[in-house]
Each structure stands twice: as C-alpha cells, then as structure tokens.
Amino acid sequence: CALQGPVTLCCTVRAKNSGERMRCLRCNFALCCDCIDEGLKMDAFADLINSNIASELLQRPSWLRYRANCYYDRADSNMSNDLDRDELASVVERICFELGVPSV
C-alpha cells in the first residue's frame, strides 16, 4: 500500500471524539465518522472525478493526498509498493481521462 507507517487522514481532534472509524489495516489508514461525512459531501470517494471535485481536492491537502493514494493503490496491480512504467502510464492515462485533458 502507498501509505506506510502511522497515517490518519482525518483531523485528530474529531478522531479522538468520534466512535467508529473506517480503517485499512494494511496501510494503517483511518477516517473518523465526521471525516467520512465530509468526504461524502465533497465526493472525495467518487469512482471518477471531474474538474469540480479536483478543484475541491486542491483546496484540501489531506483529501488530495487521500485521492492520490487511491490512484496509486489502484495502479499498483502487483502490490509491490512501487509503480513500474506500465502502472504509472495507466494512472496518468486515467487522471487525464477523468479531467478531460489530453494524455501525454
């Protein structure tokens, strides 16, 4: 997984006060309930993004990092924690397609 070590996307204040969380044990990634609601409101979990979602992500670095790691994990088809040339090309192609820009 792209996220290594102790990683929590959500704010630590809400995480301490929020009960249940969504968590990936493989990468130690966690979201509290309030941050899940925030992500849902801005479509951070959408399968495909558009320019509006991309603009929102650029305003929120932690959500941009979340989304970048989603792309990375989807592209890392052999789960080697690195992207080979073909895997990198596939993630670039997908992002270009989603944002409607020509691929490189």
N, C-alpha and C. Protein backbone atom coordinates (compact mmCIF):
# COMPACT_ATOMS: atom_id res chain seq x y z
N CYS A 1 0.84 -1.18 0.00
CA CYS A 1 0.00 0.00 0.00
C CYS A 1 0.88 1.25 0.00
N ALA A 2 0.43 2.30 -0.62
CA ALA A 2 1.23 3.51 -0.75
C ALA A 2 1.46 4.20 0.59
N LEU A 3 0.55 4.05 1.50
CA LEU A 3 0.68 4.69 2.80
C LEU A 3 1.43 3.77 3.75
N GLN A 4 2.54 4.22 4.23
CA GLN A 4 3.33 3.41 5.16
C GLN A 4 3.43 4.13 6.50
N GLY A 5 3.52 3.39 7.57
CA GLY A 5 3.67 3.98 8.89
C GLY A 5 2.35 4.46 9.46
N PRO A 6 2.39 5.20 10.56
CA PRO A 6 1.16 5.66 11.20
C PRO A 6 0.54 6.81 10.43
N VAL A 7 -0.52 6.54 9.69
CA VAL A 7 -1.17 7.55 8.87
C VAL A 7 -2.63 7.62 9.23
N THR A 8 -3.12 8.82 9.48
CA THR A 8 -4.53 9.05 9.69
C THR A 8 -4.89 10.29 8.90
N LEU A 9 -5.83 10.15 7.99
CA LEU A 9 -6.22 11.29 7.18
C LEU A 9 -6.98 12.32 7.99
N CYS A 10 -7.88 11.85 8.81
CA CYS A 10 -8.81 12.79 9.44
C CYS A 10 -8.14 13.61 10.53
N CYS A 11 -8.85 14.65 10.92
CA CYS A 11 -8.33 15.52 11.96
C CYS A 11 -8.23 14.75 13.27
N THR A 12 -7.20 14.98 14.02
CA THR A 12 -7.01 14.22 15.25
C THR A 12 -8.00 14.62 16.33
N VAL A 13 -8.51 15.85 16.30
CA VAL A 13 -9.48 16.28 17.30
C VAL A 13 -10.77 15.48 17.15
N ARG A 14 -11.28 15.41 15.93
CA ARG A 14 -12.51 14.66 15.72
C ARG A 14 -12.28 13.18 15.92
N ALA A 15 -11.12 12.69 15.55
CA ALA A 15 -10.84 11.26 15.67
C ALA A 15 -10.91 10.81 17.12
N LYS A 16 -10.45 11.64 18.03
CA LYS A 16 -10.48 11.28 19.45
C LYS A 16 -11.91 11.24 19.99
N ASN A 17 -12.76 12.10 19.45
CA ASN A 17 -14.13 12.21 19.95
C ASN A 17 -15.13 11.36 19.18
N SER A 18 -14.72 10.83 18.06
CA SER A 18 -15.63 10.07 17.21
C SER A 18 -15.48 8.58 17.53
N GLY A 19 -16.59 7.88 17.57
CA GLY A 19 -16.56 6.47 17.91
C GLY A 19 -15.97 5.59 16.82
N GLU A 20 -16.80 5.14 15.92
CA GLU A 20 -16.36 4.20 14.90
C GLU A 20 -15.56 4.89 13.81
N ARG A 21 -14.73 4.09 13.15
CA ARG A 21 -13.90 4.61 12.07
C ARG A 21 -13.88 3.63 10.91
N MET A 22 -13.52 4.14 9.75
CA MET A 22 -13.24 3.31 8.60
C MET A 22 -11.72 3.19 8.55
N ARG A 23 -11.23 1.96 8.42
CA ARG A 23 -9.80 1.77 8.54
C ARG A 23 -9.29 0.71 7.57
N CYS A 24 -8.10 0.94 7.06
CA CYS A 24 -7.39 -0.06 6.27
C CYS A 24 -6.22 -0.54 7.11
N LEU A 25 -6.27 -1.79 7.53
CA LEU A 25 -5.20 -2.33 8.38
C LEU A 25 -3.89 -2.49 7.62
N ARG A 26 -3.98 -2.73 6.31
CA ARG A 26 -2.78 -2.93 5.52
C ARG A 26 -1.89 -1.69 5.52
N CYS A 27 -2.50 -0.51 5.44
CA CYS A 27 -1.70 0.71 5.37
C CYS A 27 -1.86 1.61 6.59
N ASN A 28 -2.62 1.18 7.59
CA ASN A 28 -2.83 1.94 8.81
C ASN A 28 -3.50 3.28 8.53
N PHE A 29 -4.40 3.29 7.59
CA PHE A 29 -5.15 4.48 7.20
C PHE A 29 -6.48 4.46 7.94
N ALA A 30 -6.89 5.62 8.46
CA ALA A 30 -8.15 5.66 9.21
C ALA A 30 -8.90 6.95 8.95
N LEU A 31 -10.21 6.85 9.01
CA LEU A 31 -11.10 8.01 8.92
C LEU A 31 -12.13 7.91 10.02
N CYS A 32 -12.36 9.02 10.72
CA CYS A 32 -13.44 9.02 11.71
C CYS A 32 -14.77 9.28 10.98
N CYS A 33 -15.86 9.09 11.69
CA CYS A 33 -17.19 9.24 11.09
C CYS A 33 -17.41 10.65 10.53
N ASP A 34 -16.96 11.66 11.24
CA ASP A 34 -17.14 13.04 10.78
C ASP A 34 -16.37 13.29 9.49
N CYS A 35 -15.17 12.75 9.39
CA CYS A 35 -14.38 12.94 8.17
C CYS A 35 -14.97 12.13 7.01
N ILE A 36 -15.55 10.99 7.31
CA ILE A 36 -16.23 10.23 6.26
C ILE A 36 -17.38 11.07 5.71
N ASP A 37 -18.15 11.70 6.59
CA ASP A 37 -19.25 12.58 6.15
C ASP A 37 -18.72 13.72 5.30
N GLU A 38 -17.62 14.32 5.72
CA GLU A 38 -17.01 15.42 4.96
C GLU A 38 -16.60 14.94 3.57
N GLY A 39 -15.97 13.77 3.51
CA GLY A 39 -15.56 13.22 2.22
C GLY A 39 -16.73 12.91 1.30
N LEU A 40 -17.81 12.42 1.88
CA LEU A 40 -19.00 12.14 1.09
C LEU A 40 -19.60 13.42 0.52
N LYS A 41 -19.62 14.48 1.31
CA LYS A 41 -20.19 15.76 0.85
C LYS A 41 -19.41 16.36 -0.31
N MET A 42 -18.10 16.14 -0.34
CA MET A 42 -17.30 16.71 -1.43
C MET A 42 -16.99 15.69 -2.52
N ASP A 43 -17.62 14.52 -2.46
CA ASP A 43 -17.43 13.45 -3.45
C ASP A 43 -15.99 12.95 -3.53
N ALA A 44 -15.28 12.99 -2.43
CA ALA A 44 -13.89 12.51 -2.41
C ALA A 44 -13.80 11.01 -2.67
N PHE A 45 -14.90 10.28 -2.43
CA PHE A 45 -14.89 8.83 -2.61
C PHE A 45 -15.45 8.40 -3.96
N ALA A 46 -15.79 9.36 -4.82
CA ALA A 46 -16.35 9.04 -6.13
C ALA A 46 -15.36 8.22 -6.94
N ASP A 47 -15.88 7.29 -7.73
CA ASP A 47 -15.00 6.47 -8.55
C ASP A 47 -14.30 7.31 -9.62
N LEU A 48 -15.03 8.22 -10.21
CA LEU A 48 -14.47 9.13 -11.21
C LEU A 48 -14.58 10.56 -10.69
N ILE A 49 -13.55 11.36 -10.92
CA ILE A 49 -13.63 12.75 -10.51
C ILE A 49 -13.84 13.63 -11.74
N ASN A 50 -14.24 14.86 -11.48
CA ASN A 50 -14.37 15.85 -12.54
C ASN A 50 -13.62 17.10 -12.08
N SER A 51 -13.67 18.15 -12.89
CA SER A 51 -12.90 19.34 -12.55
C SER A 51 -13.39 19.99 -11.25
N ASN A 52 -14.68 19.88 -10.94
CA ASN A 52 -15.19 20.46 -9.69
C ASN A 52 -14.62 19.73 -8.47
N ILE A 53 -14.62 18.41 -8.53
CA ILE A 53 -14.07 17.63 -7.42
C ILE A 53 -12.56 17.88 -7.32
N ALA A 54 -11.89 17.94 -8.47
CA ALA A 54 -10.45 18.20 -8.47
C ALA A 54 -10.13 19.54 -7.83
N SER A 55 -10.92 20.56 -8.13
CA SER A 55 -10.72 21.88 -7.53
C SER A 55 -10.90 21.82 -6.02
N GLU A 56 -11.91 21.09 -5.58
CA GLU A 56 -12.15 20.93 -4.14
C GLU A 56 -10.98 20.21 -3.47
N LEU A 57 -10.47 19.18 -4.13
CA LEU A 57 -9.33 18.44 -3.58
C LEU A 57 -8.10 19.33 -3.46
N LEU A 58 -7.89 20.21 -4.43
CA LEU A 58 -6.74 21.10 -4.38
C LEU A 58 -6.82 22.09 -3.22
N GLN A 59 -8.02 22.36 -2.74
CA GLN A 59 -8.21 23.25 -1.59
C GLN A 59 -7.96 22.54 -0.26
N ARG A 60 -7.93 21.21 -0.30
CA ARG A 60 -7.81 20.41 0.94
C ARG A 60 -6.69 19.38 0.80
N PRO A 61 -5.49 19.73 1.22
CA PRO A 61 -4.33 18.85 1.02
C PRO A 61 -4.49 17.43 1.55
N SER A 62 -5.16 17.26 2.68
CA SER A 62 -5.29 15.89 3.21
C SER A 62 -6.18 15.04 2.30
N TRP A 63 -7.22 15.64 1.74
CA TRP A 63 -8.08 14.89 0.81
C TRP A 63 -7.38 14.67 -0.52
N LEU A 64 -6.56 15.60 -0.94
CA LEU A 64 -5.78 15.41 -2.17
C LEU A 64 -4.82 14.23 -1.98
N ARG A 65 -4.21 14.16 -0.82
CA ARG A 65 -3.30 13.03 -0.53
C ARG A 65 -4.07 11.71 -0.52
N TYR A 66 -5.25 11.72 0.08
CA TYR A 66 -6.10 10.52 0.08
C TYR A 66 -6.36 10.07 -1.36
N ARG A 67 -6.79 11.00 -2.19
CA ARG A 67 -7.13 10.65 -3.57
C ARG A 67 -5.91 10.18 -4.35
N ALA A 68 -4.78 10.83 -4.15
CA ALA A 68 -3.54 10.42 -4.82
C ALA A 68 -3.17 8.99 -4.43
N ASN A 69 -3.34 8.66 -3.16
CA ASN A 69 -3.05 7.30 -2.71
C ASN A 69 -4.04 6.29 -3.27
N CYS A 70 -5.28 6.71 -3.48
CA CYS A 70 -6.25 5.81 -4.13
C CYS A 70 -5.79 5.47 -5.55
N TYR A 71 -5.37 6.49 -6.29
CA TYR A 71 -4.87 6.24 -7.65
C TYR A 71 -3.65 5.32 -7.62
N TYR A 72 -2.75 5.61 -6.70
CA TYR A 72 -1.52 4.81 -6.58
C TYR A 72 -1.86 3.35 -6.30
N ASP A 73 -2.72 3.12 -5.33
CA ASP A 73 -3.06 1.75 -4.95
C ASP A 73 -3.76 1.00 -6.07
N ARG A 74 -4.63 1.69 -6.81
CA ARG A 74 -5.30 1.03 -7.94
C ARG A 74 -4.31 0.68 -9.04
N ALA A 75 -3.31 1.54 -9.25
CA ALA A 75 -2.34 1.31 -10.31
C ALA A 75 -1.32 0.24 -9.94
N ASP A 76 -1.05 0.06 -8.66
CA ASP A 76 -0.04 -0.90 -8.20
C ASP A 76 -0.63 -2.32 -8.25
N SER A 77 -0.81 -2.81 -9.46
CA SER A 77 -1.53 -4.06 -9.67
C SER A 77 -0.85 -5.28 -9.05
N ASN A 78 0.45 -5.25 -8.92
CA ASN A 78 1.16 -6.39 -8.32
C ASN A 78 1.45 -6.17 -6.84
N MET A 79 0.93 -5.07 -6.27
CA MET A 79 1.08 -4.75 -4.84
C MET A 79 2.55 -4.75 -4.39
N SER A 80 3.41 -4.19 -5.23
CA SER A 80 4.84 -4.15 -4.92
C SER A 80 5.27 -2.89 -4.19
N ASN A 81 4.33 -1.98 -3.95
CA ASN A 81 4.61 -0.69 -3.32
C ASN A 81 5.50 0.22 -4.16
N ASP A 82 5.55 -0.04 -5.43
CA ASP A 82 6.16 0.88 -6.39
C ASP A 82 5.45 0.70 -7.73
N LEU A 83 5.52 1.71 -8.56
CA LEU A 83 4.86 1.65 -9.86
C LEU A 83 5.89 1.46 -10.95
N ASP A 84 5.70 0.43 -11.77
CA ASP A 84 6.57 0.28 -12.92
C ASP A 84 6.05 1.19 -14.03
N ARG A 85 6.72 1.20 -15.14
CA ARG A 85 6.39 2.12 -16.23
C ARG A 85 4.94 1.96 -16.70
N ASP A 86 4.50 0.73 -16.87
CA ASP A 86 3.13 0.48 -17.34
C ASP A 86 2.09 0.92 -16.31
N GLU A 87 2.37 0.65 -15.04
CA GLU A 87 1.44 1.05 -13.98
C GLU A 87 1.34 2.57 -13.89
N LEU A 88 2.48 3.24 -13.99
CA LEU A 88 2.48 4.70 -13.95
C LEU A 88 1.73 5.27 -15.16
N ALA A 89 1.95 4.69 -16.33
CA ALA A 89 1.25 5.15 -17.53
C ALA A 89 -0.26 4.99 -17.38
N SER A 90 -0.70 3.90 -16.72
CA SER A 90 -2.14 3.69 -16.56
C SER A 90 -2.76 4.72 -15.62
N VAL A 91 -2.06 5.09 -14.56
CA VAL A 91 -2.62 6.09 -13.64
C VAL A 91 -2.65 7.47 -14.29
N VAL A 92 -1.63 7.81 -15.05
CA VAL A 92 -1.61 9.11 -15.75
C VAL A 92 -2.74 9.15 -16.78
N GLU A 93 -2.92 8.05 -17.52
CA GLU A 93 -3.99 7.99 -18.51
C GLU A 93 -5.36 8.13 -17.86
N ARG A 94 -5.55 7.49 -16.73
CA ARG A 94 -6.84 7.58 -16.04
C ARG A 94 -7.13 9.00 -15.56
N ILE A 95 -6.15 9.64 -14.95
CA ILE A 95 -6.35 11.01 -14.46
C ILE A 95 -6.64 11.95 -15.63
N CYS A 96 -5.90 11.81 -16.71
CA CYS A 96 -6.14 12.65 -17.89
C CYS A 96 -7.56 12.44 -18.42
N PHE A 97 -7.99 11.19 -18.49
CA PHE A 97 -9.35 10.89 -18.95
C PHE A 97 -10.40 11.53 -18.05
N GLU A 98 -10.25 11.35 -16.75
CA GLU A 98 -11.22 11.88 -15.81
C GLU A 98 -11.32 13.40 -15.88
N LEU A 99 -10.21 14.07 -16.08
CA LEU A 99 -10.21 15.53 -16.10
C LEU A 99 -10.41 16.10 -17.51
N GLY A 100 -10.51 15.20 -18.50
CA GLY A 100 -10.76 15.66 -19.86
C GLY A 100 -9.60 16.40 -20.50
N VAL A 101 -8.39 16.00 -20.14
CA VAL A 101 -7.22 16.61 -20.76
C VAL A 101 -6.50 15.57 -21.60
N PRO A 102 -5.79 16.01 -22.64
CA PRO A 102 -5.07 15.04 -23.48
C PRO A 102 -4.00 14.30 -22.68
N SER A 103 -3.87 13.01 -22.94
CA SER A 103 -2.82 12.25 -22.26
C SER A 103 -1.47 12.56 -22.89
N VAL A 104 -0.46 12.33 -22.13
CA VAL A 104 0.90 12.66 -22.55
C VAL A 104 1.40 11.66 -23.56
